[in-house]
Amino acid sequence: MVASNEATGSGSQAPEPKYNPNFTQNVIDAIGPETTPRMRQVMSSLIKHIHDFARENDLTVVEWMQGVELLNWAGRMSDDKRNEMQLICDVIGLES
């Protein structure tokens, strides 16, 4: 709730948030009911972190789509003998 100008005495209203403060929780709440508790925990954490990453870096649509294209490229290059996603994991320091 935004305080009125009279109540604050400051002559200005609080700025509107740049991002919907409920968005991340709404996405987490949409995780399917058949999801195991552990997978719900892992996916909730992933969603929170990726949303925080996007907000922290103020990603543009173009930047996000470049990241998506990198993942798509790795998928297209991968087959049963070659796993490009494994190489991406190595690059970001999360190796199996």
PDB file of N, CA and C in Angstrom:
ATOM      1  N   MET A   1       0.838  -1.175   0.000  1.00  0.00           N
ATOM      2  CA  MET A   1       0.000   0.000   0.000  1.00  0.00           C
ATOM      3  C   MET A   1       0.887   1.243   0.000  1.00  0.00           C
ATOM      4  N   VAL A   2       0.594   2.169  -0.843  1.00  0.00           N
ATOM      5  CA  VAL A   2       1.372   3.401  -0.951  1.00  0.00           C
ATOM      6  C   VAL A   2       0.807   4.419   0.018  1.00  0.00           C
ATOM      7  N   ALA A   3       1.696   5.020   0.790  1.00  0.00           N
ATOM      8  CA  ALA A   3       1.262   6.042   1.744  1.00  0.00           C
ATOM      9  C   ALA A   3       0.853   7.297   1.001  1.00  0.00           C
ATOM     10  N   SER A   4      -0.125   7.984   1.551  1.00  0.00           N
ATOM     11  CA  SER A   4      -0.546   9.242   0.921  1.00  0.00           C
ATOM     12  C   SER A   4       0.501  10.311   1.173  1.00  0.00           C
ATOM     13  N   ASN A   5       0.490  11.337   0.354  1.00  0.00           N
ATOM     14  CA  ASN A   5       1.427  12.449   0.513  1.00  0.00           C
ATOM     15  C   ASN A   5       1.241  13.139   1.863  1.00  0.00           C
ATOM     16  N   GLU A   6      -0.020  13.236   2.300  1.00  0.00           N
ATOM     17  CA  GLU A   6      -0.284  13.916   3.559  1.00  0.00           C
ATOM     18  C   GLU A   6       0.283  13.131   4.728  1.00  0.00           C
ATOM     19  N   ALA A   7       0.147  11.799   4.686  1.00  0.00           N
ATOM     20  CA  ALA A   7       0.590  10.976   5.805  1.00  0.00           C
ATOM     21  C   ALA A   7       2.110  10.968   5.922  1.00  0.00           C
ATOM     22  N   THR A   8       2.801  10.979   4.808  1.00  0.00           N
ATOM     23  CA  THR A   8       4.261  10.923   4.869  1.00  0.00           C
ATOM     24  C   THR A   8       4.874  12.289   5.064  1.00  0.00           C
ATOM     25  N   GLY A   9       4.186  13.300   4.615  1.00  0.00           N
ATOM     26  CA  GLY A   9       4.713  14.637   4.714  1.00  0.00           C
ATOM     27  C   GLY A   9       5.857  14.898   3.751  1.00  0.00           C
ATOM     28  N   SER A  10       6.176  13.936   2.915  1.00  0.00           N
ATOM     29  CA  SER A  10       7.325  14.091   2.023  1.00  0.00           C
ATOM     30  C   SER A  10       6.939  14.704   0.688  1.00  0.00           C
ATOM     31  N   GLY A  11       5.665  14.687   0.370  1.00  0.00           N
ATOM     32  CA  GLY A  11       5.236  15.258  -0.899  1.00  0.00           C
ATOM     33  C   GLY A  11       5.410  14.328  -2.076  1.00  0.00           C
ATOM     34  N   SER A  12       5.822  13.093  -1.840  1.00  0.00           N
ATOM     35  CA  SER A  12       5.969  12.145  -2.947  1.00  0.00           C
ATOM     36  C   SER A  12       5.490  10.771  -2.515  1.00  0.00           C
ATOM     37  N   GLN A  13       5.144   9.971  -3.501  1.00  0.00           N
ATOM     38  CA  GLN A  13       4.693   8.615  -3.231  1.00  0.00           C
ATOM     39  C   GLN A  13       5.855   7.646  -3.451  1.00  0.00           C
ATOM     40  N   ALA A  14       5.749   6.484  -2.829  1.00  0.00           N
ATOM     41  CA  ALA A  14       6.759   5.446  -3.026  1.00  0.00           C
ATOM     42  C   ALA A  14       6.733   5.022  -4.492  1.00  0.00           C
ATOM     43  N   PRO A  15       7.896   4.777  -5.072  1.00  0.00           N
ATOM     44  CA  PRO A  15       7.933   4.363  -6.473  1.00  0.00           C
ATOM     45  C   PRO A  15       7.339   2.970  -6.653  1.00  0.00           C
ATOM     46  N   GLU A  16       6.752   2.756  -7.801  1.00  0.00           N
ATOM     47  CA  GLU A  16       6.230   1.432  -8.138  1.00  0.00           C
ATOM     48  C   GLU A  16       7.408   0.489  -8.323  1.00  0.00           C
ATOM     49  N   PRO A  17       7.294  -0.770  -7.857  1.00  0.00           N
ATOM     50  CA  PRO A  17       8.406  -1.705  -8.075  1.00  0.00           C
ATOM     51  C   PRO A  17       8.593  -1.965  -9.566  1.00  0.00           C
ATOM     52  N   LYS A  18       9.852  -2.137  -9.967  1.00  0.00           N
ATOM     53  CA  LYS A  18      10.167  -2.389 -11.377  1.00  0.00           C
ATOM     54  C   LYS A  18       9.673  -3.764 -11.806  1.00  0.00           C
ATOM     55  N   TYR A  19       9.740  -4.713 -10.877  1.00  0.00           N
ATOM     56  CA  TYR A  19       9.325  -6.089 -11.162  1.00  0.00           C
ATOM     57  C   TYR A  19       8.184  -6.464 -10.231  1.00  0.00           C
ATOM     58  N   ASN A  20       7.287  -7.291 -10.715  1.00  0.00           N
ATOM     59  CA  ASN A  20       6.165  -7.767  -9.913  1.00  0.00           C
ATOM     60  C   ASN A  20       6.721  -8.566  -8.726  1.00  0.00           C
ATOM     61  N   PRO A  21       6.524  -8.115  -7.512  1.00  0.00           N
ATOM     62  CA  PRO A  21       7.108  -8.807  -6.361  1.00  0.00           C
ATOM     63  C   PRO A  21       6.518 -10.195  -6.108  1.00  0.00           C
ATOM     64  N   ASN A  22       5.393 -10.511  -6.727  1.00  0.00           N
ATOM     65  CA  ASN A  22       4.749 -11.817  -6.542  1.00  0.00           C
ATOM     66  C   ASN A  22       5.060 -12.796  -7.664  1.00  0.00           C
ATOM     67  N   PHE A  23       5.747 -12.349  -8.705  1.00  0.00           N
ATOM     68  CA  PHE A  23       5.922 -13.175  -9.900  1.00  0.00           C
ATOM     69  C   PHE A  23       6.636 -14.487  -9.594  1.00  0.00           C
ATOM     70  N   THR A  24       7.773 -14.418  -8.899  1.00  0.00           N
ATOM     71  CA  THR A  24       8.550 -15.634  -8.635  1.00  0.00           C
ATOM     72  C   THR A  24       7.729 -16.637  -7.841  1.00  0.00           C
ATOM     73  N   GLN A  25       7.056 -16.187  -6.805  1.00  0.00           N
ATOM     74  CA  GLN A  25       6.255 -17.111  -6.009  1.00  0.00           C
ATOM     75  C   GLN A  25       5.111 -17.692  -6.829  1.00  0.00           C
ATOM     76  N   ASN A  26       4.526 -16.912  -7.723  1.00  0.00           N
ATOM     77  CA  ASN A  26       3.460 -17.431  -8.586  1.00  0.00           C
ATOM     78  C   ASN A  26       3.977 -18.551  -9.483  1.00  0.00           C
ATOM     79  N   VAL A  27       5.206 -18.401  -9.997  1.00  0.00           N
ATOM     80  CA  VAL A  27       5.794 -19.458 -10.834  1.00  0.00           C
ATOM     81  C   VAL A  27       6.032 -20.708  -9.991  1.00  0.00           C
ATOM     82  N   ILE A  28       6.574 -20.532  -8.801  1.00  0.00           N
ATOM     83  CA  ILE A  28       6.818 -21.675  -7.909  1.00  0.00           C
ATOM     84  C   ILE A  28       5.511 -22.366  -7.561  1.00  0.00           C
ATOM     85  N   ASP A  29       4.491 -21.591  -7.304  1.00  0.00           N
ATOM     86  CA  ASP A  29       3.184 -22.162  -6.953  1.00  0.00           C
ATOM     87  C   ASP A  29       2.566 -22.948  -8.104  1.00  0.00           C
ATOM     88  N   ALA A  30       3.042 -22.719  -9.320  1.00  0.00           N
ATOM     89  CA  ALA A  30       2.504 -23.420 -10.489  1.00  0.00           C
ATOM     90  C   ALA A  30       3.177 -24.775 -10.720  1.00  0.00           C
ATOM     91  N   ILE A  31       4.156 -25.124  -9.898  1.00  0.00           N
ATOM     92  CA  ILE A  31       4.776 -26.450 -10.023  1.00  0.00           C
ATOM     93  C   ILE A  31       3.690 -27.491  -9.798  1.00  0.00           C
ATOM     94  N   GLY A  32       3.661 -28.492 -10.647  1.00  0.00           N
ATOM     95  CA  GLY A  32       2.589 -29.480 -10.639  1.00  0.00           C
ATOM     96  C   GLY A  32       2.456 -30.250  -9.336  1.00  0.00           C
ATOM     97  N   PRO A  33       1.240 -30.685  -9.028  1.00  0.00           N
ATOM     98  CA  PRO A  33       0.966 -31.385  -7.772  1.00  0.00           C
ATOM     99  C   PRO A  33       1.617 -32.768  -7.682  1.00  0.00           C
ATOM    100  N   GLU A  34       2.003 -33.345  -8.801  1.00  0.00           N
ATOM    101  CA  GLU A  34       2.622 -34.670  -8.800  1.00  0.00           C
ATOM    102  C   GLU A  34       4.124 -34.606  -8.537  1.00  0.00           C
ATOM    103  N   THR A  35       4.665 -33.402  -8.400  1.00  0.00           N
ATOM    104  CA  THR A  35       6.097 -33.221  -8.189  1.00  0.00           C
ATOM    105  C   THR A  35       6.490 -33.740  -6.807  1.00  0.00           C
ATOM    106  N   THR A  36       7.579 -34.498  -6.756  1.00  0.00           N
ATOM    107  CA  THR A  36       8.052 -35.015  -5.469  1.00  0.00           C
ATOM    108  C   THR A  36       8.530 -33.858  -4.595  1.00  0.00           C
ATOM    109  N   PRO A  37       8.509 -34.035  -3.283  1.00  0.00           N
ATOM    110  CA  PRO A  37       8.975 -32.961  -2.396  1.00  0.00           C
ATOM    111  C   PRO A  37      10.411 -32.515  -2.715  1.00  0.00           C
ATOM    112  N   ARG A  38      11.292 -33.455  -2.994  1.00  0.00           N
ATOM    113  CA  ARG A  38      12.681 -33.084  -3.292  1.00  0.00           C
ATOM    114  C   ARG A  38      12.765 -32.293  -4.588  1.00  0.00           C
ATOM    115  N   MET A  39      12.068 -32.737  -5.628  1.00  0.00           N
ATOM    116  CA  MET A  39      12.099 -32.012  -6.903  1.00  0.00           C
ATOM    117  C   MET A  39      11.456 -30.642  -6.751  1.00  0.00           C
ATOM    118  N   ARG A  40      10.421 -30.536  -5.920  1.00  0.00           N
ATOM    119  CA  ARG A  40       9.787 -29.237  -5.644  1.00  0.00           C
ATOM    120  C   ARG A  40      10.798 -28.304  -4.979  1.00  0.00           C
ATOM    121  N   GLN A  41      11.580 -28.825  -4.037  1.00  0.00           N
ATOM    122  CA  GLN A  41      12.606 -28.027  -3.363  1.00  0.00           C
ATOM    123  C   GLN A  41      13.666 -27.561  -4.359  1.00  0.00           C
ATOM    124  N   VAL A  42      14.158 -28.483  -5.183  1.00  0.00           N
ATOM    125  CA  VAL A  42      15.213 -28.156  -6.147  1.00  0.00           C
ATOM    126  C   VAL A  42      14.705 -27.153  -7.181  1.00  0.00           C
ATOM    127  N   MET A  43      13.539 -27.405  -7.745  1.00  0.00           N
ATOM    128  CA  MET A  43      13.007 -26.504  -8.768  1.00  0.00           C
ATOM    129  C   MET A  43      12.659 -25.137  -8.195  1.00  0.00           C
ATOM    130  N   SER A  44      12.135 -25.097  -6.976  1.00  0.00           N
ATOM    131  CA  SER A  44      11.839 -23.805  -6.341  1.00  0.00           C
ATOM    132  C   SER A  44      13.109 -22.989  -6.175  1.00  0.00           C
ATOM    133  N   SER A  45      14.177 -23.639  -5.750  1.00  0.00           N
ATOM    134  CA  SER A  45      15.450 -22.952  -5.589  1.00  0.00           C
ATOM    135  C   SER A  45      15.985 -22.465  -6.932  1.00  0.00           C
ATOM    136  N   LEU A  46      15.911 -23.320  -7.952  1.00  0.00           N
ATOM    137  CA  LEU A  46      16.374 -22.921  -9.292  1.00  0.00           C
ATOM    138  C   LEU A  46      15.590 -21.709  -9.793  1.00  0.00           C
ATOM    139  N   ILE A  47      14.278 -21.750  -9.643  1.00  0.00           N
ATOM    140  CA  ILE A  47      13.432 -20.638 -10.091  1.00  0.00           C
ATOM    141  C   ILE A  47      13.805 -19.357  -9.354  1.00  0.00           C
ATOM    142  N   LYS A  48      13.945 -19.438  -8.033  1.00  0.00           N
ATOM    143  CA  LYS A  48      14.314 -18.244  -7.260  1.00  0.00           C
ATOM    144  C   LYS A  48      15.648 -17.676  -7.734  1.00  0.00           C
ATOM    145  N   HIS A  49      16.635 -18.552  -7.911  1.00  0.00           N
ATOM    146  CA  HIS A  49      17.969 -18.084  -8.297  1.00  0.00           C
ATOM    147  C   HIS A  49      18.003 -17.510  -9.710  1.00  0.00           C
ATOM    148  N   ILE A  50      17.330 -18.146 -10.644  1.00  0.00           N
ATOM    149  CA  ILE A  50      17.361 -17.638 -12.021  1.00  0.00           C
ATOM    150  C   ILE A  50      16.586 -16.321 -12.117  1.00  0.00           C
ATOM    151  N   HIS A  51      15.506 -16.187 -11.358  1.00  0.00           N
ATOM    152  CA  HIS A  51      14.770 -14.918 -11.345  1.00  0.00           C
ATOM    153  C   HIS A  51      15.618 -13.822 -10.705  1.00  0.00           C
ATOM    154  N   ASP A  52      16.288 -14.151  -9.592  1.00  0.00           N
ATOM    155  CA  ASP A  52      17.174 -13.174  -8.953  1.00  0.00           C
ATOM    156  C   ASP A  52      18.309 -12.777  -9.896  1.00  0.00           C
ATOM    157  N   PHE A  53      18.871 -13.742 -10.614  1.00  0.00           N
ATOM    158  CA  PHE A  53      19.931 -13.466 -11.586  1.00  0.00           C
ATOM    159  C   PHE A  53      19.449 -12.483 -12.650  1.00  0.00           C
ATOM    160  N   ALA A  54      18.263 -12.733 -13.184  1.00  0.00           N
ATOM    161  CA  ALA A  54      17.719 -11.864 -14.234  1.00  0.00           C
ATOM    162  C   ALA A  54      17.475 -10.452 -13.702  1.00  0.00           C
ATOM    163  N   ARG A  55      16.937 -10.348 -12.480  1.00  0.00           N
ATOM    164  CA  ARG A  55      16.691  -9.028 -11.894  1.00  0.00           C
ATOM    165  C   ARG A  55      17.995  -8.320 -11.545  1.00  0.00           C
ATOM    166  N   GLU A  56      18.925  -9.059 -10.939  1.00  0.00           N
ATOM    167  CA  GLU A  56      20.205  -8.463 -10.532  1.00  0.00           C
ATOM    168  C   GLU A  56      20.961  -7.881 -11.721  1.00  0.00           C
ATOM    169  N   ASN A  57      20.889  -8.570 -12.849  1.00  0.00           N
ATOM    170  CA  ASN A  57      21.594  -8.121 -14.049  1.00  0.00           C
ATOM    171  C   ASN A  57      20.717  -7.302 -14.969  1.00  0.00           C
ATOM    172  N   ASP A  58      19.454  -7.108 -14.590  1.00  0.00           N
ATOM    173  CA  ASP A  58      18.502  -6.340 -15.392  1.00  0.00           C
ATOM    174  C   ASP A  58      18.558  -6.789 -16.853  1.00  0.00           C
ATOM    175  N   LEU A  59      18.462  -8.122 -17.046  1.00  0.00           N
ATOM    176  CA  LEU A  59      18.586  -8.696 -18.384  1.00  0.00           C
ATOM    177  C   LEU A  59      17.550  -8.135 -19.342  1.00  0.00           C
ATOM    178  N   THR A  60      18.002  -7.886 -20.549  1.00  0.00           N
ATOM    179  CA  THR A  60      17.080  -7.496 -21.613  1.00  0.00           C
ATOM    180  C   THR A  60      16.555  -8.760 -22.278  1.00  0.00           C
ATOM    181  N   VAL A  61      15.496  -8.622 -23.046  1.00  0.00           N
ATOM    182  CA  VAL A  61      14.962  -9.761 -23.791  1.00  0.00           C
ATOM    183  C   VAL A  61      16.032 -10.301 -24.743  1.00  0.00           C
ATOM    184  N   VAL A  62      16.756  -9.406 -25.392  1.00  0.00           N
ATOM    185  CA  VAL A  62      17.807  -9.833 -26.331  1.00  0.00           C
ATOM    186  C   VAL A  62      18.867 -10.654 -25.601  1.00  0.00           C
ATOM    187  N   GLU A  63      19.305 -10.196 -24.449  1.00  0.00           N
ATOM    188  CA  GLU A  63      20.326 -10.930 -23.693  1.00  0.00           C
ATOM    189  C   GLU A  63      19.818 -12.295 -23.244  1.00  0.00           C
ATOM    190  N   TRP A  64      18.582 -12.329 -22.760  1.00  0.00           N
ATOM    191  CA  TRP A  64      18.009 -13.608 -22.340  1.00  0.00           C
ATOM    192  C   TRP A  64      17.919 -14.560 -23.526  1.00  0.00           C
ATOM    193  N   MET A  65      17.473 -14.068 -24.656  1.00  0.00           N
ATOM    194  CA  MET A  65      17.331 -14.929 -25.831  1.00  0.00           C
ATOM    195  C   MET A  65      18.687 -15.416 -26.343  1.00  0.00           C
ATOM    196  N   GLN A  66      19.745 -14.630 -26.153  1.00  0.00           N
ATOM    197  CA  GLN A  66      21.082 -15.097 -26.518  1.00  0.00           C
ATOM    198  C   GLN A  66      21.468 -16.295 -25.652  1.00  0.00           C
ATOM    199  N   GLY A  67      21.139 -16.245 -24.381  1.00  0.00           N
ATOM    200  CA  GLY A  67      21.395 -17.383 -23.496  1.00  0.00           C
ATOM    201  C   GLY A  67      20.581 -18.601 -23.894  1.00  0.00           C
ATOM    202  N   VAL A  68      19.321 -18.375 -24.228  1.00  0.00           N
ATOM    203  CA  VAL A  68      18.459 -19.476 -24.671  1.00  0.00           C
ATOM    204  C   VAL A  68      19.018 -20.082 -25.955  1.00  0.00           C
ATOM    205  N   GLU A  69      19.476 -19.241 -26.865  1.00  0.00           N
ATOM    206  CA  GLU A  69      20.042 -19.739 -28.125  1.00  0.00           C
ATOM    207  C   GLU A  69      21.294 -20.569 -27.873  1.00  0.00           C
ATOM    208  N   LEU A  70      22.117 -20.178 -26.898  1.00  0.00           N
ATOM    209  CA  LEU A  70      23.286 -20.981 -26.554  1.00  0.00           C
ATOM    210  C   LEU A  70      22.863 -22.384 -26.121  1.00  0.00           C
ATOM    211  N   LEU A  71      21.841 -22.461 -25.277  1.00  0.00           N
ATOM    212  CA  LEU A  71      21.351 -23.767 -24.839  1.00  0.00           C
ATOM    213  C   LEU A  71      20.752 -24.556 -26.007  1.00  0.00           C
ATOM    214  N   ASN A  72      20.011 -23.863 -26.871  1.00  0.00           N
ATOM    215  CA  ASN A  72      19.458 -24.533 -28.051  1.00  0.00           C
ATOM    216  C   ASN A  72      20.566 -25.058 -28.958  1.00  0.00           C
ATOM    217  N   TRP A  73      21.609 -24.259 -29.150  1.00  0.00           N
ATOM    218  CA  TRP A  73      22.750 -24.676 -29.963  1.00  0.00           C
ATOM    219  C   TRP A  73      23.372 -25.944 -29.396  1.00  0.00           C
ATOM    220  N   ALA A  74      23.579 -25.946 -28.079  1.00  0.00           N
ATOM    221  CA  ALA A  74      24.171 -27.126 -27.434  1.00  0.00           C
ATOM    222  C   ALA A  74      23.281 -28.350 -27.639  1.00  0.00           C
ATOM    223  N   GLY A  75      21.980 -28.158 -27.562  1.00  0.00           N
ATOM    224  CA  GLY A  75      21.057 -29.268 -27.792  1.00  0.00           C
ATOM    225  C   GLY A  75      21.119 -29.785 -29.216  1.00  0.00           C
ATOM    226  N   ARG A  76      21.196 -28.868 -30.176  1.00  0.00           N
ATOM    227  CA  ARG A  76      21.264 -29.288 -31.579  1.00  0.00           C
ATOM    228  C   ARG A  76      22.567 -30.010 -31.890  1.00  0.00           C
ATOM    229  N   MET A  77      23.652 -29.623 -31.225  1.00  0.00           N
ATOM    230  CA  MET A  77      24.952 -30.227 -31.474  1.00  0.00           C
ATOM    231  C   MET A  77      25.115 -31.576 -30.774  1.00  0.00           C
ATOM    232  N   SER A  78      24.277 -31.837 -29.803  1.00  0.00           N
ATOM    233  CA  SER A  78      24.408 -33.052 -29.002  1.00  0.00           C
ATOM    234  C   SER A  78      23.739 -34.237 -29.670  1.00  0.00           C
ATOM    235  N   ASP A  79      24.326 -35.403 -29.455  1.00  0.00           N
ATOM    236  CA  ASP A  79      23.719 -36.664 -29.880  1.00  0.00           C
ATOM    237  C   ASP A  79      24.160 -37.733 -28.890  1.00  0.00           C
ATOM    238  N   ASP A  80      23.950 -39.000 -29.206  1.00  0.00           N
ATOM    239  CA  ASP A  80      24.282 -40.052 -28.248  1.00  0.00           C
ATOM    240  C   ASP A  80      25.784 -40.222 -28.031  1.00  0.00           C
ATOM    241  N   LYS A  81      26.611 -39.614 -28.868  1.00  0.00           N
ATOM    242  CA  LYS A  81      28.063 -39.708 -28.721  1.00  0.00           C
ATOM    243  C   LYS A  81      28.704 -38.395 -28.282  1.00  0.00           C
ATOM    244  N   ARG A  82      27.983 -37.311 -28.367  1.00  0.00           N
ATOM    245  CA  ARG A  82      28.535 -35.986 -28.087  1.00  0.00           C
ATOM    246  C   ARG A  82      27.533 -35.202 -27.254  1.00  0.00           C
ATOM    247  N   ASN A  83      27.963 -34.720 -26.077  1.00  0.00           N
ATOM    248  CA  ASN A  83      27.067 -34.007 -25.184  1.00  0.00           C
ATOM    249  C   ASN A  83      27.601 -32.595 -24.949  1.00  0.00           C
ATOM    250  N   GLU A  84      27.098 -31.643 -25.720  1.00  0.00           N
ATOM    251  CA  GLU A  84      27.557 -30.254 -25.603  1.00  0.00           C
ATOM    252  C   GLU A  84      27.112 -29.611 -24.296  1.00  0.00           C
ATOM    253  N   MET A  85      26.008 -30.059 -23.716  1.00  0.00           N
ATOM    254  CA  MET A  85      25.585 -29.500 -22.427  1.00  0.00           C
ATOM    255  C   MET A  85      26.614 -29.838 -21.354  1.00  0.00           C
ATOM    256  N   GLN A  86      27.237 -31.008 -21.453  1.00  0.00           N
ATOM    257  CA  GLN A  86      28.300 -31.358 -20.507  1.00  0.00           C
ATOM    258  C   GLN A  86      29.458 -30.378 -20.624  1.00  0.00           C
ATOM    259  N   LEU A  87      29.770 -29.954 -21.830  1.00  0.00           N
ATOM    260  CA  LEU A  87      30.829 -28.967 -22.021  1.00  0.00           C
ATOM    261  C   LEU A  87      30.447 -27.605 -21.429  1.00  0.00           C
ATOM    262  N   ILE A  88      29.177 -27.238 -21.563  1.00  0.00           N
ATOM    263  CA  ILE A  88      28.715 -25.978 -20.963  1.00  0.00           C
ATOM    264  C   ILE A  88      28.836 -26.082 -19.445  1.00  0.00           C
ATOM    265  N   CYS A  89      28.489 -27.232 -18.874  1.00  0.00           N
ATOM    266  CA  CYS A  89      28.651 -27.417 -17.430  1.00  0.00           C
ATOM    267  C   CYS A  89      30.106 -27.233 -17.017  1.00  0.00           C
ATOM    268  N   ASP A  90      31.028 -27.757 -17.811  1.00  0.00           N
ATOM    269  CA  ASP A  90      32.452 -27.579 -17.529  1.00  0.00           C
ATOM    270  C   ASP A  90      32.836 -26.100 -17.569  1.00  0.00           C
ATOM    271  N   VAL A  91      32.319 -25.377 -18.551  1.00  0.00           N
ATOM    272  CA  VAL A  91      32.657 -23.963 -18.714  1.00  0.00           C
ATOM    273  C   VAL A  91      32.182 -23.147 -17.508  1.00  0.00           C
ATOM    274  N   ILE A  92      31.003 -23.447 -16.973  1.00  0.00           N
ATOM    275  CA  ILE A  92      30.484 -22.661 -15.853  1.00  0.00           C
ATOM    276  C   ILE A  92      30.932 -23.224 -14.498  1.00  0.00           C
ATOM    277  N   GLY A  93      31.741 -24.278 -14.525  1.00  0.00           N
ATOM    278  CA  GLY A  93      32.309 -24.809 -13.281  1.00  0.00           C
ATOM    279  C   GLY A  93      31.406 -25.709 -12.494  1.00  0.00           C
ATOM    280  N   LEU A  94      30.389 -26.270 -13.120  1.00  0.00           N
ATOM    281  CA  LEU A  94      29.519 -27.254 -12.482  1.00  0.00           C
ATOM    282  C   LEU A  94      29.676 -28.569 -13.226  1.00  0.00           C
ATOM    283  N   GLU A  95      30.704 -29.287 -12.879  1.00  0.00           N
ATOM    284  CA  GLU A  95      31.003 -30.533 -13.568  1.00  0.00           C
ATOM    285  C   GLU A  95      30.399 -31.706 -12.805  1.00  0.00           C
ATOM    286  N   SER A  96      30.086 -32.754 -13.532  1.00  0.00           N
ATOM    287  CA  SER A  96      29.523 -33.930 -12.871  1.00  0.00           C
ATOM    288  C   SER A  96      30.594 -34.738 -12.199  1.00  0.00           C
TER     289      SER A  96
END
